[in-house]
Full PDB file with SEQRES, HELIX, SHEET, SSBOND, CRYST1, ORIGX, SCALE, CONECT and MASTER records, all heavy atoms in Angstrom:
SEQRES   1 A   34  TYR ASP ALA TYR TYR ARG ARG ALA GLN ARG VAL ARG THR          
SEQRES   2 A   34  LEU LEU ILE ARG ASP PHE ALA ALA ALA TYR GLU ARG PHE          
SEQRES   3 A   34  ASP VAL LEU LEU ALA PRO THR SER                              
HELIX    1 AA1 ASP A    2  ARG A    6  3                                   5    
HELIX    2 AA2 ARG A    7  ARG A   25  1                                  19    
CRYST1    1.000    1.000    1.000  90.00  90.00  90.00 P 1           1          
ORIGX1      1.000000  0.000000  0.000000        0.00000                         
ORIGX2      0.000000  1.000000  0.000000        0.00000                         
ORIGX3      0.000000  0.000000  1.000000        0.00000                         
SCALE1      1.000000  0.000000  0.000000        0.00000                         
SCALE2      0.000000  1.000000  0.000000        0.00000                         
SCALE3      0.000000  0.000000  1.000000        0.00000                         
ATOM      1  N   TYR A   1      54.427 298.138 206.816  1.00  0.00           N  
ATOM      2  CA  TYR A   1      54.486 298.808 205.563  1.00  0.00           C  
ATOM      3  C   TYR A   1      53.273 298.563 204.672  1.00  0.00           C  
ATOM      4  O   TYR A   1      52.629 299.473 204.216  1.00  0.00           O  
ATOM      5  CB  TYR A   1      55.776 298.392 204.792  1.00  0.00           C  
ATOM      6  CG  TYR A   1      55.971 299.094 203.489  1.00  0.00           C  
ATOM      7  CD1 TYR A   1      56.770 300.218 203.428  1.00  0.00           C  
ATOM      8  CD2 TYR A   1      55.439 298.572 202.305  1.00  0.00           C  
ATOM      9  CE1 TYR A   1      57.020 300.830 202.234  1.00  0.00           C  
ATOM     10  CE2 TYR A   1      55.679 299.143 201.120  1.00  0.00           C  
ATOM     11  CZ  TYR A   1      56.479 300.324 201.040  1.00  0.00           C  
ATOM     12  OH  TYR A   1      56.648 300.947 199.846  1.00  0.00           O  
ATOM     13  N   ASP A   2      52.886 297.285 204.534  1.00  0.00           N  
ATOM     14  CA  ASP A   2      51.716 296.964 203.694  1.00  0.00           C  
ATOM     15  C   ASP A   2      50.437 297.478 204.352  1.00  0.00           C  
ATOM     16  O   ASP A   2      49.518 297.958 203.647  1.00  0.00           O  
ATOM     17  CB  ASP A   2      51.648 295.473 203.486  1.00  0.00           C  
ATOM     18  CG  ASP A   2      52.688 294.951 202.538  1.00  0.00           C  
ATOM     19  OD1 ASP A   2      53.238 295.784 201.796  1.00  0.00           O  
ATOM     20  OD2 ASP A   2      53.005 293.794 202.532  1.00  0.00           O  
ATOM     21  N   ALA A   3      50.331 297.366 205.637  1.00  0.00           N  
ATOM     22  CA  ALA A   3      49.079 297.692 206.330  1.00  0.00           C  
ATOM     23  C   ALA A   3      48.816 299.209 206.288  1.00  0.00           C  
ATOM     24  O   ALA A   3      47.676 299.627 206.340  1.00  0.00           O  
ATOM     25  CB  ALA A   3      49.092 297.224 207.762  1.00  0.00           C  
ATOM     26  N   TYR A   4      49.899 300.035 206.292  1.00  0.00           N  
ATOM     27  CA  TYR A   4      49.747 301.458 206.427  1.00  0.00           C  
ATOM     28  C   TYR A   4      50.189 302.229 205.185  1.00  0.00           C  
ATOM     29  O   TYR A   4      49.401 302.767 204.456  1.00  0.00           O  
ATOM     30  CB  TYR A   4      50.422 301.988 207.696  1.00  0.00           C  
ATOM     31  CG  TYR A   4      49.750 301.451 208.925  1.00  0.00           C  
ATOM     32  CD1 TYR A   4      50.349 300.460 209.695  1.00  0.00           C  
ATOM     33  CD2 TYR A   4      48.554 301.953 209.360  1.00  0.00           C  
ATOM     34  CE1 TYR A   4      49.753 299.969 210.843  1.00  0.00           C  
ATOM     35  CE2 TYR A   4      47.917 301.472 210.534  1.00  0.00           C  
ATOM     36  CZ  TYR A   4      48.552 300.462 211.249  1.00  0.00           C  
ATOM     37  OH  TYR A   4      47.958 300.015 212.394  1.00  0.00           O  
ATOM     38  N   TYR A   5      51.517 302.220 204.956  1.00  0.00           N  
ATOM     39  CA  TYR A   5      52.050 303.048 203.912  1.00  0.00           C  
ATOM     40  C   TYR A   5      51.532 302.614 202.528  1.00  0.00           C  
ATOM     41  O   TYR A   5      51.092 303.471 201.685  1.00  0.00           O  
ATOM     42  CB  TYR A   5      53.588 303.024 203.941  1.00  0.00           C  
ATOM     43  CG  TYR A   5      54.190 303.913 202.840  1.00  0.00           C  
ATOM     44  CD1 TYR A   5      54.180 305.323 202.999  1.00  0.00           C  
ATOM     45  CD2 TYR A   5      54.770 303.390 201.732  1.00  0.00           C  
ATOM     46  CE1 TYR A   5      54.777 306.124 202.024  1.00  0.00           C  
ATOM     47  CE2 TYR A   5      55.361 304.168 200.772  1.00  0.00           C  
ATOM     48  CZ  TYR A   5      55.365 305.559 200.947  1.00  0.00           C  
ATOM     49  OH  TYR A   5      55.902 306.354 199.934  1.00  0.00           O  
ATOM     50  N   ARG A   6      51.618 301.340 202.205  1.00  0.00           N  
ATOM     51  CA  ARG A   6      51.171 300.927 200.936  1.00  0.00           C  
ATOM     52  C   ARG A   6      49.631 301.118 200.660  1.00  0.00           C  
ATOM     53  O   ARG A   6      49.256 301.545 199.598  1.00  0.00           O  
ATOM     54  CB  ARG A   6      51.454 299.400 200.694  1.00  0.00           C  
ATOM     55  CG  ARG A   6      51.240 298.899 199.300  1.00  0.00           C  
ATOM     56  CD  ARG A   6      51.460 297.444 199.145  1.00  0.00           C  
ATOM     57  NE  ARG A   6      52.860 297.055 199.471  1.00  0.00           N  
ATOM     58  CZ  ARG A   6      53.835 297.069 198.566  1.00  0.00           C  
ATOM     59  NH1 ARG A   6      53.637 297.530 197.340  1.00  0.00           N  
ATOM     60  NH2 ARG A   6      55.073 296.711 198.936  1.00  0.00           N  
ATOM     61  N   ARG A   7      48.923 300.921 201.765  1.00  0.00           N  
ATOM     62  CA  ARG A   7      47.463 301.153 201.625  1.00  0.00           C  
ATOM     63  C   ARG A   7      47.225 302.651 201.401  1.00  0.00           C  
ATOM     64  O   ARG A   7      46.289 303.044 200.620  1.00  0.00           O  
ATOM     65  CB  ARG A   7      46.755 300.692 202.908  1.00  0.00           C  
ATOM     66  CG  ARG A   7      45.248 300.846 202.844  1.00  0.00           C  
ATOM     67  CD  ARG A   7      44.559 300.173 204.033  1.00  0.00           C  
ATOM     68  NE  ARG A   7      44.677 298.692 203.979  1.00  0.00           N  
ATOM     69  CZ  ARG A   7      44.150 297.882 204.870  1.00  0.00           C  
ATOM     70  NH1 ARG A   7      43.450 298.398 205.860  1.00  0.00           N  
ATOM     71  NH2 ARG A   7      44.331 296.582 204.742  1.00  0.00           N  
ATOM     72  N   ALA A   8      47.938 303.529 202.107  1.00  0.00           N  
ATOM     73  CA  ALA A   8      47.751 304.973 201.866  1.00  0.00           C  
ATOM     74  C   ALA A   8      48.126 305.358 200.424  1.00  0.00           C  
ATOM     75  O   ALA A   8      47.395 306.204 199.828  1.00  0.00           O  
ATOM     76  CB  ALA A   8      48.630 305.719 202.796  1.00  0.00           C  
ATOM     77  N   GLN A   9      49.110 304.738 199.845  1.00  0.00           N  
ATOM     78  CA  GLN A   9      49.452 305.012 198.467  1.00  0.00           C  
ATOM     79  C   GLN A   9      48.330 304.548 197.485  1.00  0.00           C  
ATOM     80  O   GLN A   9      48.117 305.134 196.486  1.00  0.00           O  
ATOM     81  CB  GLN A   9      50.811 304.383 198.126  1.00  0.00           C  
ATOM     82  CG  GLN A   9      51.960 305.089 198.775  1.00  0.00           C  
ATOM     83  CD  GLN A   9      52.289 306.419 198.196  1.00  0.00           C  
ATOM     84  OE1 GLN A   9      51.520 307.053 197.529  1.00  0.00           O  
ATOM     85  NE2 GLN A   9      53.470 306.956 198.596  1.00  0.00           N  
ATOM     86  N   ARG A  10      47.663 303.471 197.878  1.00  0.00           N  
ATOM     87  CA  ARG A  10      46.558 302.953 197.071  1.00  0.00           C  
ATOM     88  C   ARG A  10      45.400 303.959 197.068  1.00  0.00           C  
ATOM     89  O   ARG A  10      44.733 304.251 196.063  1.00  0.00           O  
ATOM     90  CB  ARG A  10      46.103 301.575 197.516  1.00  0.00           C  
ATOM     91  CG  ARG A  10      47.123 300.518 197.211  1.00  0.00           C  
ATOM     92  CD  ARG A  10      46.696 299.164 197.822  1.00  0.00           C  
ATOM     93  NE  ARG A  10      47.602 298.114 197.464  1.00  0.00           N  
ATOM     94  CZ  ARG A  10      47.687 296.911 198.100  1.00  0.00           C  
ATOM     95  NH1 ARG A  10      46.865 296.698 199.104  1.00  0.00           N  
ATOM     96  NH2 ARG A  10      48.535 295.988 197.661  1.00  0.00           N  
ATOM     97  N   VAL A  11      45.160 304.512 198.267  1.00  0.00           N  
ATOM     98  CA  VAL A  11      44.087 305.565 198.363  1.00  0.00           C  
ATOM     99  C   VAL A  11      44.492 306.759 197.547  1.00  0.00           C  
ATOM    100  O   VAL A  11      43.624 307.343 196.866  1.00  0.00           O  
ATOM    101  CB  VAL A  11      43.889 305.954 199.887  1.00  0.00           C  
ATOM    102  CG1 VAL A  11      43.029 307.187 199.981  1.00  0.00           C  
ATOM    103  CG2 VAL A  11      43.345 304.792 200.720  1.00  0.00           C  
ATOM    104  N   ARG A  12      45.713 307.131 197.531  1.00  0.00           N  
ATOM    105  CA  ARG A  12      46.234 308.235 196.748  1.00  0.00           C  
ATOM    106  C   ARG A  12      45.940 307.936 195.229  1.00  0.00           C  
ATOM    107  O   ARG A  12      45.429 308.811 194.556  1.00  0.00           O  
ATOM    108  CB  ARG A  12      47.718 308.400 196.901  1.00  0.00           C  
ATOM    109  CG  ARG A  12      48.298 309.617 196.260  1.00  0.00           C  
ATOM    110  CD  ARG A  12      49.727 309.791 196.512  1.00  0.00           C  
ATOM    111  NE  ARG A  12      50.291 311.098 196.134  1.00  0.00           N  
ATOM    112  CZ  ARG A  12      51.544 311.507 196.358  1.00  0.00           C  
ATOM    113  NH1 ARG A  12      52.404 310.705 197.005  1.00  0.00           N  
ATOM    114  NH2 ARG A  12      51.918 312.678 195.975  1.00  0.00           N  
ATOM    115  N   THR A  13      46.155 306.710 194.790  1.00  0.00           N  
ATOM    116  CA  THR A  13      45.859 306.371 193.407  1.00  0.00           C  
ATOM    117  C   THR A  13      44.363 306.483 193.072  1.00  0.00           C  
ATOM    118  O   THR A  13      43.961 307.005 192.062  1.00  0.00           O  
ATOM    119  CB  THR A  13      46.374 304.931 193.115  1.00  0.00           C  
ATOM    120  OG1 THR A  13      47.785 304.909 193.288  1.00  0.00           O  
ATOM    121  CG2 THR A  13      46.050 304.529 191.703  1.00  0.00           C  
ATOM    122  N   LEU A  14      43.550 306.008 194.041  1.00  0.00           N  
ATOM    123  CA  LEU A  14      42.116 306.078 193.793  1.00  0.00           C  
ATOM    124  C   LEU A  14      41.672 307.549 193.821  1.00  0.00           C  
ATOM    125  O   LEU A  14      40.790 307.892 192.992  1.00  0.00           O  
ATOM    126  CB  LEU A  14      41.361 305.337 194.965  1.00  0.00           C  
ATOM    127  CG  LEU A  14      41.562 303.799 194.977  1.00  0.00           C  
ATOM    128  CD1 LEU A  14      41.041 303.206 196.243  1.00  0.00           C  
ATOM    129  CD2 LEU A  14      40.917 303.202 193.701  1.00  0.00           C  
ATOM    130  N   LEU A  15      42.237 308.377 194.613  1.00  0.00           N  
ATOM    131  CA  LEU A  15      41.918 309.833 194.613  1.00  0.00           C  
ATOM    132  C   LEU A  15      42.231 310.479 193.283  1.00  0.00           C  
ATOM    133  O   LEU A  15      41.514 311.227 192.681  1.00  0.00           O  
ATOM    134  CB  LEU A  15      42.612 310.548 195.777  1.00  0.00           C  
ATOM    135  CG  LEU A  15      42.389 312.007 195.861  1.00  0.00           C  
ATOM    136  CD1 LEU A  15      40.960 312.365 196.155  1.00  0.00           C  
ATOM    137  CD2 LEU A  15      43.314 312.638 196.912  1.00  0.00           C  
ATOM    138  N   ILE A  16      43.477 310.117 192.769  1.00  0.00           N  
ATOM    139  CA  ILE A  16      43.881 310.643 191.423  1.00  0.00           C  
ATOM    140  C   ILE A  16      42.876 310.217 190.363  1.00  0.00           C  
ATOM    141  O   ILE A  16      42.510 310.996 189.473  1.00  0.00           O  
ATOM    142  CB  ILE A  16      45.312 310.166 191.144  1.00  0.00           C  
ATOM    143  CG1 ILE A  16      46.295 310.859 192.068  1.00  0.00           C  
ATOM    144  CG2 ILE A  16      45.679 310.482 189.644  1.00  0.00           C  
ATOM    145  CD1 ILE A  16      47.708 310.288 191.993  1.00  0.00           C  
ATOM    146  N   ARG A  17      42.422 308.984 190.410  1.00  0.00           N  
ATOM    147  CA  ARG A  17      41.408 308.516 189.448  1.00  0.00           C  
ATOM    148  C   ARG A  17      40.105 309.245 189.583  1.00  0.00           C  
ATOM    149  O   ARG A  17      39.429 309.529 188.617  1.00  0.00           O  
ATOM    150  CB  ARG A  17      41.232 306.982 189.621  1.00  0.00           C  
ATOM    151  CG  ARG A  17      42.382 306.122 189.240  1.00  0.00           C  
ATOM    152  CD  ARG A  17      42.132 304.679 189.543  1.00  0.00           C  
ATOM    153  NE  ARG A  17      43.332 303.846 189.166  1.00  0.00           N  
ATOM    154  CZ  ARG A  17      43.459 302.534 189.497  1.00  0.00           C  
ATOM    155  NH1 ARG A  17      42.483 301.956 190.156  1.00  0.00           N  
ATOM    156  NH2 ARG A  17      44.562 301.896 189.095  1.00  0.00           N  
ATOM    157  N   ASP A  18      39.709 309.527 190.863  1.00  0.00           N  
ATOM    158  CA  ASP A  18      38.509 310.309 191.081  1.00  0.00           C  
ATOM    159  C   ASP A  18      38.605 311.648 190.403  1.00  0.00           C  
ATOM    160  O   ASP A  18      37.660 312.160 189.749  1.00  0.00           O  
ATOM    161  CB  ASP A  18      38.278 310.498 192.578  1.00  0.00           C  
ATOM    162  CG  ASP A  18      37.734 309.259 193.293  1.00  0.00           C  
ATOM    163  OD1 ASP A  18      37.370 308.253 192.575  1.00  0.00           O  
ATOM    164  OD2 ASP A  18      37.751 309.235 194.522  1.00  0.00           O  
ATOM    165  N   PHE A  19      39.749 312.307 190.599  1.00  0.00           N  
ATOM    166  CA  PHE A  19      39.937 313.659 189.987  1.00  0.00           C  
ATOM    167  C   PHE A  19      39.944 313.544 188.469  1.00  0.00           C  
ATOM    168  O   PHE A  19      39.290 314.421 187.785  1.00  0.00           O  
ATOM    169  CB  PHE A  19      41.233 314.307 190.473  1.00  0.00           C  
ATOM    170  CG  PHE A  19      41.111 315.112 191.743  1.00  0.00           C  
ATOM    171  CD1 PHE A  19      41.846 314.670 192.879  1.00  0.00           C  
ATOM    172  CD2 PHE A  19      40.303 316.179 191.809  1.00  0.00           C  
ATOM    173  CE1 PHE A  19      41.731 315.401 194.053  1.00  0.00           C  
ATOM    174  CE2 PHE A  19      40.178 316.930 193.004  1.00  0.00           C  
ATOM    175  CZ  PHE A  19      40.902 316.509 194.113  1.00  0.00           C  
ATOM    176  N   ALA A  20      40.573 312.505 187.954  1.00  0.00           N  
ATOM    177  CA  ALA A  20      40.545 312.356 186.486  1.00  0.00           C  
ATOM    178  C   ALA A  20      39.157 312.245 185.912  1.00  0.00           C  
ATOM    179  O   ALA A  20      38.830 312.822 184.899  1.00  0.00           O  
ATOM    180  CB  ALA A  20      41.401 311.146 186.145  1.00  0.00           C  
ATOM    181  N   ALA A  21      38.319 311.507 186.629  1.00  0.00           N  
ATOM    182  CA  ALA A  21      36.944 311.306 186.199  1.00  0.00           C  
ATOM    183  C   ALA A  21      36.169 312.663 186.306  1.00  0.00           C  
ATOM    184  O   ALA A  21      35.361 313.000 185.411  1.00  0.00           O  
ATOM    185  CB  ALA A  21      36.242 310.244 187.030  1.00  0.00           C  
ATOM    186  N   ALA A  22      36.427 313.383 187.356  1.00  0.00           N  
ATOM    187  CA  ALA A  22      35.762 314.700 187.542  1.00  0.00           C  
ATOM    188  C   ALA A  22      36.142 315.683 186.481  1.00  0.00           C  
ATOM    189  O   ALA A  22      35.289 316.405 185.965  1.00  0.00           O  
ATOM    190  CB  ALA A  22      36.073 315.224 188.977  1.00  0.00           C  
ATOM    191  N   TYR A  23      37.402 315.677 186.101  1.00  0.00           N  
ATOM    192  CA  TYR A  23      37.895 316.611 185.120  1.00  0.00           C  
ATOM    193  C   TYR A  23      37.491 316.245 183.704  1.00  0.00           C  
ATOM    194  O   TYR A  23      37.678 317.057 182.737  1.00  0.00           O  
ATOM    195  CB  TYR A  23      39.367 316.866 185.242  1.00  0.00           C  
ATOM    196  CG  TYR A  23      39.730 317.693 186.452  1.00  0.00           C  
ATOM    197  CD1 TYR A  23      40.661 317.197 187.393  1.00  0.00           C  
ATOM    198  CD2 TYR A  23      39.150 318.911 186.660  1.00  0.00           C  
ATOM    199  CE1 TYR A  23      40.983 317.965 188.491  1.00  0.00           C  
ATOM    200  CE2 TYR A  23      39.472 319.674 187.802  1.00  0.00           C  
ATOM    201  CZ  TYR A  23      40.410 319.143 188.706  1.00  0.00           C  
ATOM    202  OH  TYR A  23      40.683 319.896 189.854  1.00  0.00           O  
ATOM    203  N   GLU A  24      36.930 315.049 183.516  1.00  0.00           N  
ATOM    204  CA  GLU A  24      36.308 314.720 182.194  1.00  0.00           C  
ATOM    205  C   GLU A  24      35.009 315.502 182.077  1.00  0.00           C  
ATOM    206  O   GLU A  24      34.542 315.755 180.947  1.00  0.00           O  
ATOM    207  CB  GLU A  24      36.093 313.214 182.087  1.00  0.00           C  
ATOM    208  CG  GLU A  24      37.371 312.418 181.958  1.00  0.00           C  
ATOM    209  CD  GLU A  24      37.057 310.948 181.812  1.00  0.00           C  
ATOM    210  OE1 GLU A  24      35.872 310.592 181.902  1.00  0.00           O  
ATOM    211  OE2 GLU A  24      38.048 310.160 181.669  1.00  0.00           O  
ATOM    212  N   ARG A  25      34.368 315.815 183.179  1.00  0.00           N  
ATOM    213  CA  ARG A  25      33.116 316.512 183.183  1.00  0.00           C  
ATOM    214  C   ARG A  25      33.196 318.039 183.384  1.00  0.00           C  
ATOM    215  O   ARG A  25      32.364 318.795 182.969  1.00  0.00           O  
ATOM    216  CB  ARG A  25      32.193 316.013 184.235  1.00  0.00           C  
ATOM    217  CG  ARG A  25      31.743 314.532 184.044  1.00  0.00           C  
ATOM    218  CD  ARG A  25      30.695 314.153 185.141  1.00  0.00           C  
ATOM    219  NE  ARG A  25      29.582 315.118 185.148  1.00  0.00           N  
ATOM    220  CZ  ARG A  25      28.919 315.439 186.295  1.00  0.00           C  
ATOM    221  NH1 ARG A  25      29.279 314.856 187.435  1.00  0.00           N  
ATOM    222  NH2 ARG A  25      27.949 316.276 186.226  1.00  0.00           N  
ATOM    223  N   PHE A  26      34.309 318.417 184.125  1.00  0.00           N  
ATOM    224  CA  PHE A  26      34.460 319.861 184.530  1.00  0.00           C  
ATOM    225  C   PHE A  26      35.806 320.390 184.178  1.00  0.00           C  
ATOM    226  O   PHE A  26      36.796 319.707 184.137  1.00  0.00           O  
ATOM    227  CB  PHE A  26      34.227 319.956 186.033  1.00  0.00           C  
ATOM    228  CG  PHE A  26      32.876 319.434 186.534  1.00  0.00           C  
ATOM    229  CD1 PHE A  26      32.773 318.190 187.210  1.00  0.00           C  
ATOM    230  CD2 PHE A  26      31.749 320.205 186.328  1.00  0.00           C  
ATOM    231  CE1 PHE A  26      31.594 317.739 187.594  1.00  0.00           C  
ATOM    232  CE2 PHE A  26      30.502 319.735 186.748  1.00  0.00           C  
ATOM    233  CZ  PHE A  26      30.427 318.492 187.405  1.00  0.00           C  
ATOM    234  N   ASP A  27      35.828 321.722 183.942  1.00  0.00           N  
ATOM    235  CA  ASP A  27      37.033 322.411 183.662  1.00  0.00           C  
ATOM    236  C   ASP A  27      37.819 322.766 184.925  1.00  0.00           C  
ATOM    237  O   ASP A  27      39.039 322.743 185.033  1.00  0.00           O  
ATOM    238  CB  ASP A  27      36.792 323.698 182.905  1.00  0.00           C  
ATOM    239  CG  ASP A  27      36.171 323.426 181.545  1.00  0.00           C  
ATOM    240  OD1 ASP A  27      36.790 322.752 180.715  1.00  0.00           O  
ATOM    241  OD2 ASP A  27      35.077 323.864 181.307  1.00  0.00           O  
ATOM    242  N   VAL A  28      37.017 323.141 185.998  1.00  0.00           N  
ATOM    243  CA  VAL A  28      37.580 323.451 187.332  1.00  0.00           C  
ATOM    244  C   VAL A  28      36.615 322.952 188.364  1.00  0.00           C  
ATOM    245  O   VAL A  28      35.432 322.671 188.060  1.00  0.00           O  
ATOM    246  CB  VAL A  28      37.812 324.993 187.562  1.00  0.00           C  
ATOM    247  CG1 VAL A  28      38.835 325.521 186.597  1.00  0.00           C  
ATOM    248  CG2 VAL A  28      36.494 325.738 187.483  1.00  0.00           C  
ATOM    249  N   LEU A  29      37.103 322.881 189.598  1.00  0.00           N  
ATOM    250  CA  LEU A  29      36.303 322.473 190.717  1.00  0.00           C  
ATOM    251  C   LEU A  29      36.356 323.572 191.794  1.00  0.00           C  
ATOM    252  O   LEU A  29      37.333 324.285 191.901  1.00  0.00           O  
ATOM    253  CB  LEU A  29      36.767 321.123 191.293  1.00  0.00           C  
ATOM    254  CG  LEU A  29      36.804 319.924 190.338  1.00  0.00           C  
ATOM    255  CD1 LEU A  29      37.445 318.737 191.006  1.00  0.00           C  
ATOM    256  CD2 LEU A  29      35.447 319.599 189.849  1.00  0.00           C  
ATOM    257  N   LEU A  30      35.292 323.612 192.596  1.00  0.00           N  
ATOM    258  CA  LEU A  30      35.233 324.522 193.705  1.00  0.00           C  
ATOM    259  C   LEU A  30      35.076 323.766 195.017  1.00  0.00           C  
ATOM    260  O   LEU A  30      34.476 322.709 195.055  1.00  0.00           O  
ATOM    261  CB  LEU A  30      34.016 325.511 193.596  1.00  0.00           C  
ATOM    262  CG  LEU A  30      34.019 326.627 192.632  1.00  0.00           C  
ATOM    263  CD1 LEU A  30      32.782 327.491 192.843  1.00  0.00           C  
ATOM    264  CD2 LEU A  30      35.224 327.519 192.787  1.00  0.00           C  
ATOM    265  N   ALA A  31      35.688 324.333 196.053  1.00  0.00           N  
ATOM    266  CA  ALA A  31      35.602 323.700 197.411  1.00  0.00           C  
ATOM    267  C   ALA A  31      35.985 324.730 198.432  1.00  0.00           C  
ATOM    268  O   ALA A  31      36.489 325.779 198.166  1.00  0.00           O  
ATOM    269  CB  ALA A  31      36.590 322.518 197.488  1.00  0.00           C  
ATOM    270  N   PRO A  32      35.693 324.449 199.725  1.00  0.00           N  
ATOM    271  CA  PRO A  32      36.214 325.351 200.747  1.00  0.00           C  
ATOM    272  C   PRO A  32      37.779 325.241 200.830  1.00  0.00           C  
ATOM    273  O   PRO A  32      38.333 324.229 200.350  1.00  0.00           O  
ATOM    274  CB  PRO A  32      35.634 324.735 202.053  1.00  0.00           C  
ATOM    275  CG  PRO A  32      34.527 323.865 201.558  1.00  0.00           C  
ATOM    276  CD  PRO A  32      34.847 323.393 200.256  1.00  0.00           C  
ATOM    277  N   THR A  33      38.399 326.248 201.335  1.00  0.00           N  
ATOM    278  CA  THR A  33      39.837 326.145 201.573  1.00  0.00           C  
ATOM    279  C   THR A  33      40.096 325.648 202.976  1.00  0.00           C  
ATOM    280  O   THR A  33      40.693 324.630 203.132  1.00  0.00           O  
ATOM    281  CB  THR A  33      40.486 327.498 201.343  1.00  0.00           C  
ATOM    282  OG1 THR A  33      40.163 328.030 200.114  1.00  0.00           O  
ATOM    283  CG2 THR A  33      41.997 327.402 201.509  1.00  0.00           C  
ATOM    284  N   SER A  34      39.595 326.315 203.987  1.00  0.00           N  
ATOM    285  CA  SER A  34      39.701 325.872 205.378  1.00  0.00           C  
ATOM    286  C   SER A  34      38.281 325.608 205.829  1.00  0.00           C  
ATOM    287  O   SER A  34      37.313 326.338 205.513  1.00  0.00           O  
ATOM    288  CB  SER A  34      40.280 327.007 206.220  1.00  0.00           C  
ATOM    289  OG  SER A  34      40.166 326.696 207.578  1.00  0.00           O  
TER     290      SER A  34                                                      
MASTER        0    0    0    2    0    0    0    6  289    1    0    3          
END                                                                             
């Protein structure tokens, strides 16, 4: 659990923080879909 699931949830938290920082600078973001 700690080695996999909990670590994945930590990555999720870091990703949410990355987006929060990006949206302080930008109104929207662009990326490929597929």
